[in-house]
Amino acid sequence: MGYYINPPNETKEEWLNDNGIEVTVPEWDLLATNFPGGVYVCLVDNGLFTAVGIAYKESEFNEFNDTSHDDRPRKWYVVPHEDIINVCPDVEDRLEAGL
C-alpha cells in the first residue's frame, strides 16, 4: 500500500466530506458502472490518527478491504479522479495505467 491522502488545509475527514461519497459496501467490479471516473479510498482509524489510502488498483482495494487480520475501523468513499490527483499528484500515473 503506497498512496495516501493528506490534504494541506483541512482534516482528512473534512476533505472526504467535501470531495467524496461514502460507500457502505464497496465492490470493485461495480466501481466503473456505479461511479464512472471515481476512485475508491479507505479511511482507516489507527487510534491516534487516521489514514486515507487510495485503492488505485484492485489488489490495493483487496488489501484495504481484508479485515481477516486487521480489525481497525474503516469507512469507504468514492472520490472523483480529478480530486484525487489534486491532493496526491504522485498517484496519477498509477491511476492512468491501472497499475
C-alpha atoms as a PDB file:
ATOM      1  CA  MET A   1       0.000   0.000   0.000  1.00  0.00           C
ATOM      2  CA  GLY A   2       1.580   3.186  -1.036  1.00  0.00           C
ATOM      3  CA  TYR A   3      -0.543   6.277  -1.775  1.00  0.00           C
ATOM      4  CA  TYR A   4      -2.356   8.261   0.870  1.00  0.00           C
ATOM      5  CA  ILE A   5      -4.395  11.453   1.006  1.00  0.00           C
ATOM      6  CA  ASN A   6      -3.008  14.215   3.203  1.00  0.00           C
ATOM      7  CA  PRO A   7      -4.908  17.429   2.436  1.00  0.00           C
ATOM      8  CA  PRO A   8      -2.887  20.560   3.232  1.00  0.00           C
ATOM      9  CA  ASN A   9      -5.649  22.839   4.541  1.00  0.00           C
ATOM     10  CA  GLU A  10      -8.198  20.597   6.251  1.00  0.00           C
ATOM     11  CA  THR A  11      -8.511  17.281   8.033  1.00  0.00           C
ATOM     12  CA  LYS A  12      -8.796  14.076   6.058  1.00  0.00           C
ATOM     13  CA  GLU A  13     -12.368  13.682   7.256  1.00  0.00           C
ATOM     14  CA  GLU A  14     -13.296  17.212   6.134  1.00  0.00           C
ATOM     15  CA  TRP A  15     -11.696  16.586   2.750  1.00  0.00           C
ATOM     16  CA  LEU A  16     -13.651  13.352   2.325  1.00  0.00           C
ATOM     17  CA  ASN A  17     -16.909  15.072   3.287  1.00  0.00           C
ATOM     18  CA  ASP A  18     -16.192  17.797   0.721  1.00  0.00           C
ATOM     19  CA  ASN A  19     -14.995  15.544  -2.109  1.00  0.00           C
ATOM     20  CA  GLY A  20     -16.269  12.016  -1.589  1.00  0.00           C
ATOM     21  CA  ILE A  21     -19.375   9.907  -1.335  1.00  0.00           C
ATOM     22  CA  GLU A  22     -19.442   7.362   1.476  1.00  0.00           C
ATOM     23  CA  VAL A  23     -19.993   3.795   0.276  1.00  0.00           C
ATOM     24  CA  THR A  24     -21.378   1.255   2.727  1.00  0.00           C
ATOM     25  CA  VAL A  25     -20.464  -1.910   0.821  1.00  0.00           C
ATOM     26  CA  PRO A  26     -17.739  -1.233  -1.753  1.00  0.00           C
ATOM     27  CA  GLU A  27     -17.466  -3.663  -4.657  1.00  0.00           C
ATOM     28  CA  TRP A  28     -14.568  -3.344  -7.069  1.00  0.00           C
ATOM     29  CA  ASP A  29     -16.498  -4.786 -10.015  1.00  0.00           C
ATOM     30  CA  LEU A  30     -19.236  -2.150  -9.672  1.00  0.00           C
ATOM     31  CA  LEU A  31     -16.990   0.910  -9.379  1.00  0.00           C
ATOM     32  CA  ALA A  32     -16.862   1.788 -13.090  1.00  0.00           C
ATOM     33  CA  THR A  33     -20.598   1.209 -13.547  1.00  0.00           C
ATOM     34  CA  ASN A  34     -21.888   2.937 -10.429  1.00  0.00           C
ATOM     35  CA  PHE A  35     -19.273   5.688 -10.155  1.00  0.00           C
ATOM     36  CA  PRO A  36     -17.722   6.430 -13.571  1.00  0.00           C
ATOM     37  CA  GLY A  37     -14.491   8.353 -13.072  1.00  0.00           C
ATOM     38  CA  GLY A  38     -14.462   7.517  -9.373  1.00  0.00           C
ATOM     39  CA  VAL A  39     -11.679   6.099  -7.230  1.00  0.00           C
ATOM     40  CA  TYR A  40     -12.159   4.128  -4.029  1.00  0.00           C
ATOM     41  CA  VAL A  41     -10.402   5.461  -0.941  1.00  0.00           C
ATOM     42  CA  CYS A  42     -10.407   3.904   2.506  1.00  0.00           C
ATOM     43  CA  LEU A  43     -10.399   5.894   5.748  1.00  0.00           C
ATOM     44  CA  VAL A  44      -8.677   3.757   8.386  1.00  0.00           C
ATOM     45  CA  ASP A  45      -8.865   4.681  12.063  1.00  0.00           C
ATOM     46  CA  ASN A  46      -5.494   3.888  13.628  1.00  0.00           C
ATOM     47  CA  GLY A  47      -6.483   5.137  17.074  1.00  0.00           C
ATOM     48  CA  LEU A  48      -4.163   8.128  17.437  1.00  0.00           C
ATOM     49  CA  PHE A  49      -4.564   9.172  13.806  1.00  0.00           C
ATOM     50  CA  THR A  50      -6.463   8.323  10.646  1.00  0.00           C
ATOM     51  CA  ALA A  51      -5.145   7.453   7.216  1.00  0.00           C
ATOM     52  CA  VAL A  52      -6.849   7.614   3.829  1.00  0.00           C
ATOM     53  CA  GLY A  53      -5.430   5.064   1.424  1.00  0.00           C
ATOM     54  CA  ILE A  54      -6.051   5.279  -2.300  1.00  0.00           C
ATOM     55  CA  ALA A  55      -7.210   2.000  -3.850  1.00  0.00           C
ATOM     56  CA  TYR A  56      -5.701   2.760  -7.245  1.00  0.00           C
ATOM     57  CA  LYS A  57      -5.940  -0.870  -8.410  1.00  0.00           C
ATOM     58  CA  GLU A  58      -7.857  -3.987  -7.453  1.00  0.00           C
ATOM     59  CA  SER A  59      -5.085  -5.527  -5.346  1.00  0.00           C
ATOM     60  CA  GLU A  60      -4.845  -2.330  -3.265  1.00  0.00           C
ATOM     61  CA  PHE A  61      -8.615  -2.390  -2.832  1.00  0.00           C
ATOM     62  CA  ASN A  62      -8.478  -6.018  -1.693  1.00  0.00           C
ATOM     63  CA  GLU A  63      -5.666  -5.266   0.756  1.00  0.00           C
ATOM     64  CA  PHE A  64      -7.603  -2.427   2.391  1.00  0.00           C
ATOM     65  CA  ASN A  65     -10.841  -4.418   2.346  1.00  0.00           C
ATOM     66  CA  ASP A  66      -9.365  -7.534   4.001  1.00  0.00           C
ATOM     67  CA  THR A  67     -10.324  -7.407   7.668  1.00  0.00           C
ATOM     68  CA  SER A  68      -9.400 -11.012   8.455  1.00  0.00           C
ATOM     69  CA  HIS A  69      -6.149  -9.967  10.171  1.00  0.00           C
ATOM     70  CA  ASP A  70      -6.827  -6.285  10.744  1.00  0.00           C
ATOM     71  CA  ASP A  71      -9.880  -5.099  12.656  1.00  0.00           C
ATOM     72  CA  ARG A  72      -9.217  -1.359  12.564  1.00  0.00           C
ATOM     73  CA  PRO A  73     -12.402   0.589  11.771  1.00  0.00           C
ATOM     74  CA  ARG A  74     -12.765   1.583   8.125  1.00  0.00           C
ATOM     75  CA  LYS A  75     -15.014   3.752   6.008  1.00  0.00           C
ATOM     76  CA  TRP A  76     -15.047   3.645   2.231  1.00  0.00           C
ATOM     77  CA  TYR A  77     -15.574   6.560  -0.112  1.00  0.00           C
ATOM     78  CA  VAL A  78     -15.613   7.168  -3.837  1.00  0.00           C
ATOM     79  CA  VAL A  79     -13.812  10.332  -4.904  1.00  0.00           C
ATOM     80  CA  PRO A  80     -13.633  11.792  -8.425  1.00  0.00           C
ATOM     81  CA  HIS A  81     -10.357  11.029 -10.189  1.00  0.00           C
ATOM     82  CA  GLU A  82      -9.511  14.748 -10.574  1.00  0.00           C
ATOM     83  CA  ASP A  83      -9.877  15.404  -6.845  1.00  0.00           C
ATOM     84  CA  ILE A  84      -7.519  12.518  -6.056  1.00  0.00           C
ATOM     85  CA  ILE A  85      -4.888  13.921  -8.441  1.00  0.00           C
ATOM     86  CA  ASN A  86      -5.241  17.418  -6.962  1.00  0.00           C
ATOM     87  CA  VAL A  87      -4.419  16.211  -3.455  1.00  0.00           C
ATOM     88  CA  CYS A  88      -1.994  13.388  -4.369  1.00  0.00           C
ATOM     89  CA  PRO A  89      -0.413  14.031  -7.786  1.00  0.00           C
ATOM     90  CA  ASP A  90       2.096  11.193  -7.306  1.00  0.00           C
ATOM     91  CA  VAL A  91      -0.627   8.594  -7.893  1.00  0.00           C
ATOM     92  CA  GLU A  92      -1.709   9.962 -11.294  1.00  0.00           C
ATOM     93  CA  ASP A  93       0.442   7.608 -13.388  1.00  0.00           C
ATOM     94  CA  ARG A  94      -0.808   4.599 -11.424  1.00  0.00           C
ATOM     95  CA  LEU A  95      -4.436   5.624 -11.867  1.00  0.00           C
ATOM     96  CA  GLU A  96      -3.964   6.252 -15.585  1.00  0.00           C
ATOM     97  CA  ALA A  97      -2.220   2.922 -16.125  1.00  0.00           C
ATOM     98  CA  GLY A  98      -4.491   0.936 -13.830  1.00  0.00           C
ATOM     99  CA  LEU A  99      -1.383  -0.442 -12.123  1.00  0.00           C
END
